[in-house]
């Protein structure tokens, strides 16, 4: 799970503030970050099923619990009690009526977190691509699957960012190809190979604080906060056992 080295902040690059010649970068530069409205066609509430419930679950997955717990929102299209809890926590965090019903106001807030390319308000796909190829190719799943896994991870990171006080979160390492993962000494079955992991840095916030907030965001893999970065992943989404290296549970 060792982080790959990268000579500058990728978000700085995306903003166009790195001088030409600072180094070749193969990941795409996004020129437009306009909001995108998902087509919610109905008010959602507990007991409902469908593709729109699945999308809802993806977007509130980072609000799985109010206190540290081995709890995650199942992405199964079935609006059960766990989804309802996550919706209420999301609503409360954004100043909405915390009733667990996903009506127009909640749907508007959910849409405010999505950008036109499918990324989220504060994270770009380019921050998560393999640091060598600049793509989602070469991992243990297809590029399309890795990118979708990253999209789902982004929503949990949005929740983590919100819980940390809306402070910027830097992604030091996201998806890795098998070759690049081996080169940086990553575990042979690292969650980075699936697009379900990120190594983070949060300026001015201790890794221990990041870890503790992440314990409420549905992350099922958390590396010790004594490292020089904070690793988070969603390994339980792949059917793996929970692993909190410094957790209390």
Protein backbone atom coordinates (compact mmCIF):
# COMPACT_ATOMS: atom_id res chain seq x y z
CA UNK A 1 0.00 0.00 0.00
CA UNK A 2 3.02 2.21 -0.24
CA UNK A 3 2.20 5.53 -1.93
CA UNK A 4 3.68 6.33 -5.30
CA UNK A 5 5.88 9.40 -5.56
CA UNK A 6 4.51 12.38 -7.45
CA UNK A 7 6.35 15.67 -7.78
CA UNK A 8 3.44 18.07 -7.40
CA UNK A 9 -0.17 18.42 -6.37
CA UNK A 10 -2.31 16.99 -9.18
CA UNK A 11 -5.15 19.42 -8.45
CA UNK A 12 -2.68 22.29 -8.94
CA UNK A 13 -1.90 20.85 -12.36
CA UNK A 14 -5.57 20.70 -13.27
CA UNK A 15 -5.91 24.34 -12.41
CA UNK A 16 -3.15 25.13 -14.89
CA UNK A 17 -0.73 26.64 -12.40
CA UNK A 18 2.20 24.29 -13.03
CA UNK A 19 4.68 25.72 -15.52
CA UNK A 20 5.16 23.96 -18.84
CA UNK A 21 8.16 21.69 -18.73
CA UNK A 22 7.63 20.69 -15.08
CA UNK A 23 7.28 17.11 -16.31
CA UNK A 24 5.23 15.05 -18.72
CA UNK A 25 1.80 14.18 -17.41
CA UNK A 26 -0.26 11.59 -19.23
CA UNK A 27 -3.58 11.98 -17.44
CA UNK A 28 -6.26 14.05 -19.14
CA UNK A 29 -6.79 17.65 -18.12
CA UNK A 30 -10.45 18.45 -17.55
CA UNK A 31 -11.41 21.78 -19.00
CA UNK A 32 -15.04 21.83 -17.89
CA UNK A 33 -16.45 21.00 -14.47
CA UNK A 34 -20.11 21.88 -14.91
CA UNK A 35 -22.65 20.29 -12.62
CA UNK A 36 -24.72 17.43 -13.94
CA UNK A 37 -28.30 16.65 -12.93
CA UNK A 38 -29.12 12.98 -12.47
CA UNK A 39 -32.64 12.29 -13.71
CA UNK A 40 -34.44 11.48 -10.48
CA UNK A 41 -37.98 10.65 -11.59
CA UNK A 42 -39.61 10.01 -8.23
CA UNK A 43 -39.33 10.62 -4.52
CA UNK A 44 -37.43 7.74 -2.92
CA UNK A 45 -38.10 6.26 0.47
CA UNK A 46 -37.61 3.10 2.46
CA UNK A 47 -39.14 0.01 0.84
CA UNK A 48 -38.44 1.05 -2.74
CA UNK A 49 -36.12 -0.74 -5.18
CA UNK A 50 -34.58 0.12 -8.51
CA UNK A 51 -31.62 1.58 -10.38
CA UNK A 52 -32.28 5.02 -8.90
CA UNK A 53 -32.00 3.53 -5.41
CA UNK A 54 -28.64 2.04 -6.40
CA UNK A 55 -27.43 5.47 -7.52
CA UNK A 56 -28.71 6.98 -4.29
CA UNK A 57 -26.79 4.38 -2.27
CA UNK A 58 -23.58 5.19 -4.13
CA UNK A 59 -23.99 8.88 -3.34
CA UNK A 60 -24.77 8.51 0.38
CA UNK A 61 -22.37 5.63 1.05
CA UNK A 62 -20.04 7.92 2.97
CA UNK A 63 -22.76 8.63 5.53
CA UNK A 64 -23.08 5.03 6.70
CA UNK A 65 -22.94 5.80 10.41
CA UNK A 66 -22.65 8.63 12.90
CA UNK A 67 -20.07 6.84 15.06
CA UNK A 68 -17.20 4.44 14.29
CA UNK A 69 -18.69 1.11 13.25
CA UNK A 70 -18.15 -1.69 10.78
CA UNK A 71 -21.14 -0.41 8.85
CA UNK A 72 -21.45 0.18 5.12
CA UNK A 73 -24.31 1.05 2.79
CA UNK A 74 -25.05 -1.98 0.60
CA UNK A 75 -25.16 -0.98 -3.08
CA UNK A 76 -27.99 -3.36 -3.94
CA UNK A 77 -30.87 -1.20 -5.17
CA UNK A 78 -32.97 -2.00 -2.10
CA UNK A 79 -33.86 1.02 0.07
CA UNK A 80 -33.61 -0.56 3.50
CA UNK A 81 -32.88 0.76 7.01
CA UNK A 82 -29.16 1.21 6.33
CA UNK A 83 -29.84 3.41 3.33
CA UNK A 84 -32.43 5.38 5.30
CA UNK A 85 -29.90 6.05 8.06
CA UNK A 86 -27.34 7.25 5.53
CA UNK A 87 -29.91 9.53 3.88
CA UNK A 88 -30.84 11.10 7.22
CA UNK A 89 -27.19 11.73 8.10
CA UNK A 90 -26.57 13.23 4.65
CA UNK A 91 -29.61 15.47 4.99
CA UNK A 92 -28.59 16.68 8.42
CA UNK A 93 -25.05 17.47 7.26
CA UNK A 94 -26.37 19.63 4.43
CA UNK A 95 -29.01 21.43 6.46
CA UNK A 96 -32.00 19.57 5.04
CA UNK A 97 -34.97 18.07 6.83
CA UNK A 98 -33.63 14.79 8.18
CA UNK A 99 -36.59 12.57 7.36
CA UNK A 100 -34.94 9.82 5.29
CA UNK A 101 -37.15 10.67 2.31
CA UNK A 102 -35.32 11.62 -0.87
CA UNK A 103 -37.46 14.34 -2.37
CA UNK A 104 -36.60 17.35 -4.58
CA UNK A 105 -34.46 19.21 -2.02
CA UNK A 106 -32.33 16.16 -1.24
CA UNK A 107 -32.07 15.24 -4.91
CA UNK A 108 -30.88 18.77 -5.72
CA UNK A 109 -28.15 18.48 -3.09
CA UNK A 110 -27.13 15.06 -4.39
CA UNK A 111 -26.87 16.49 -7.90
CA UNK A 112 -24.76 19.39 -6.65
CA UNK A 113 -22.03 16.86 -5.82
CA UNK A 114 -21.79 15.44 -9.36
CA UNK A 115 -19.88 16.91 -12.29
CA UNK A 116 -20.68 16.41 -15.97
CA UNK A 117 -18.00 13.74 -16.46
CA UNK A 118 -19.29 11.64 -13.55
CA UNK A 119 -16.67 12.81 -11.06
CA UNK A 120 -17.62 14.71 -7.93
CA UNK A 121 -17.52 18.32 -6.84
CA UNK A 122 -14.11 18.19 -5.19
CA UNK A 123 -12.40 15.25 -6.91
CA UNK A 124 -11.27 14.64 -10.50
CA UNK A 125 -10.80 11.29 -12.21
CA UNK A 126 -7.33 12.52 -13.15
CA UNK A 127 -6.36 12.46 -9.48
CA UNK A 128 -7.00 8.71 -9.36
CA UNK A 129 -5.52 7.41 -12.63
CA UNK A 130 -2.35 5.31 -12.64
CA UNK A 131 0.57 7.66 -12.07
CA UNK A 132 2.60 6.14 -14.93
CA UNK A 133 0.05 5.60 -17.73
CA UNK A 134 -2.52 8.23 -16.73
CA UNK A 135 -5.27 5.67 -17.37
CA UNK A 136 -7.35 3.05 -15.55
CA UNK A 137 -5.79 0.24 -17.58
CA UNK A 138 -3.63 -2.64 -16.39
CA UNK A 139 -5.19 -3.40 -13.03
CA UNK A 140 -7.04 -6.48 -11.82
CA UNK A 141 -10.35 -5.32 -13.32
CA UNK A 142 -11.27 -3.67 -16.60
CA UNK A 143 -10.62 0.04 -17.02
CA UNK A 144 -14.38 0.69 -17.01
CA UNK A 145 -14.83 -1.20 -13.74
CA UNK A 146 -11.87 0.52 -12.13
CA UNK A 147 -13.25 3.93 -13.13
CA UNK A 148 -16.68 3.09 -11.73
CA UNK A 149 -15.08 1.90 -8.50
CA UNK A 150 -13.24 5.22 -8.32
CA UNK A 151 -16.49 7.10 -8.88
CA UNK A 152 -18.04 5.30 -5.94
CA UNK A 153 -14.96 5.97 -3.83
CA UNK A 154 -15.23 9.68 -4.63
CA UNK A 155 -18.61 9.96 -2.91
CA UNK A 156 -17.19 8.47 0.27
CA UNK A 157 -14.33 10.94 0.04
CA UNK A 158 -16.82 13.79 -0.39
CA UNK A 159 -18.41 12.71 2.89
CA UNK A 160 -15.01 12.48 4.58
CA UNK A 161 -14.11 15.95 3.30
CA UNK A 162 -17.37 17.34 4.65
CA UNK A 163 -16.85 15.73 8.05
CA UNK A 164 -13.34 17.20 8.24
CA UNK A 165 -14.78 20.69 7.84
CA UNK A 166 -14.72 21.04 4.04
CA UNK A 167 -10.94 21.09 3.94
CA UNK A 168 -9.11 20.07 0.74
CA UNK A 169 -8.14 16.40 0.53
CA UNK A 170 -5.13 15.49 -1.63
CA UNK A 171 -5.11 12.10 -3.35
CA UNK A 172 -1.50 10.91 -3.42
CA UNK A 173 -2.28 7.54 -5.00
CA UNK A 174 -5.52 6.13 -6.40
CA UNK A 175 -5.79 3.39 -9.01
CA UNK A 176 -2.58 1.55 -9.84
CA UNK A 177 -1.72 -0.79 -12.68
CA UNK A 178 -0.21 -4.13 -11.68
CA UNK A 179 3.19 -3.03 -12.98
CA UNK A 180 3.18 0.31 -11.19
CA UNK A 181 1.88 -1.22 -7.96
CA UNK A 182 4.77 -3.70 -7.99
CA UNK A 183 7.25 -0.91 -8.69
CA UNK A 184 6.17 1.07 -5.60
CA UNK A 185 6.09 -1.99 -3.35
CA UNK A 186 2.33 -2.33 -3.08
CA UNK A 187 0.69 -5.52 -1.79
CA UNK A 188 0.12 -8.10 -4.51
CA UNK A 189 -3.65 -7.85 -4.09
CA UNK A 190 -3.75 -4.17 -3.17
CA UNK A 191 -7.13 -2.49 -3.31
CA UNK A 192 -5.46 0.14 -5.50
CA UNK A 193 -5.46 -2.45 -8.30
CA UNK A 194 -9.27 -2.39 -8.32
CA UNK A 195 -9.80 1.35 -8.04
CA UNK A 196 -11.30 0.99 -4.57
CA UNK A 197 -8.48 2.65 -2.60
CA UNK A 198 -6.80 6.01 -2.10
CA UNK A 199 -3.83 7.28 -0.13
CA UNK A 200 -4.67 10.70 1.25
CA UNK A 201 -3.07 13.77 2.69
CA UNK A 202 -4.98 16.56 4.43
CA UNK A 203 -2.95 19.67 5.18
CA UNK A 204 -3.33 20.85 8.75
CA UNK A 205 -5.24 17.73 9.86
CA UNK A 206 -3.57 14.78 11.57
CA UNK A 207 -3.82 11.33 10.02
CA UNK A 208 -5.37 10.14 13.27
CA UNK A 209 -8.24 12.61 12.85
CA UNK A 210 -8.66 11.59 9.22
CA UNK A 211 -8.68 7.94 10.29
CA UNK A 212 -11.30 8.52 12.97
CA UNK A 213 -13.61 10.39 10.60
CA UNK A 214 -13.09 7.70 7.97
CA UNK A 215 -14.39 5.14 10.47
CA UNK A 216 -17.85 6.70 9.95
CA UNK A 217 -17.69 6.82 6.14
CA UNK A 218 -18.22 3.17 5.25
CA UNK A 219 -14.53 2.50 4.53
CA UNK A 220 -13.77 -1.14 5.25
CA UNK A 221 -9.99 -0.81 4.90
CA UNK A 222 -7.97 1.70 6.94
CA UNK A 223 -4.19 1.57 7.25
CA UNK A 224 -2.50 2.82 10.42
CA UNK A 225 -2.50 6.57 10.84
CA UNK A 226 1.17 6.53 11.83
CA UNK A 227 2.19 6.36 8.15
CA UNK A 228 3.04 9.49 6.13
CA UNK A 229 -0.38 9.26 4.44
CA UNK A 230 -3.81 7.88 5.29
CA UNK A 231 -4.91 4.85 3.27
CA UNK A 232 -8.66 4.22 2.88
CA UNK A 233 -10.42 1.57 0.84
CA UNK A 234 -13.73 -0.18 0.23
CA UNK A 235 -12.58 -3.81 0.30
CA UNK A 236 -15.88 -5.07 1.75
CA UNK A 237 -17.53 -3.96 -1.50
CA UNK A 238 -15.41 -6.68 -3.14
CA UNK A 239 -16.44 -9.27 -0.57
CA UNK A 240 -13.27 -8.97 1.50
CA UNK A 241 -13.08 -8.92 5.29
CA UNK A 242 -12.92 -5.59 7.11
CA UNK A 243 -9.45 -4.37 8.06
CA UNK A 244 -8.99 -1.41 10.36
CA UNK A 245 -5.36 -1.44 11.44
CA UNK A 246 -5.79 1.01 14.31
CA UNK A 247 -9.53 0.67 14.79
CA UNK A 248 -11.37 0.29 18.06
CA UNK A 249 -13.75 -2.39 16.79
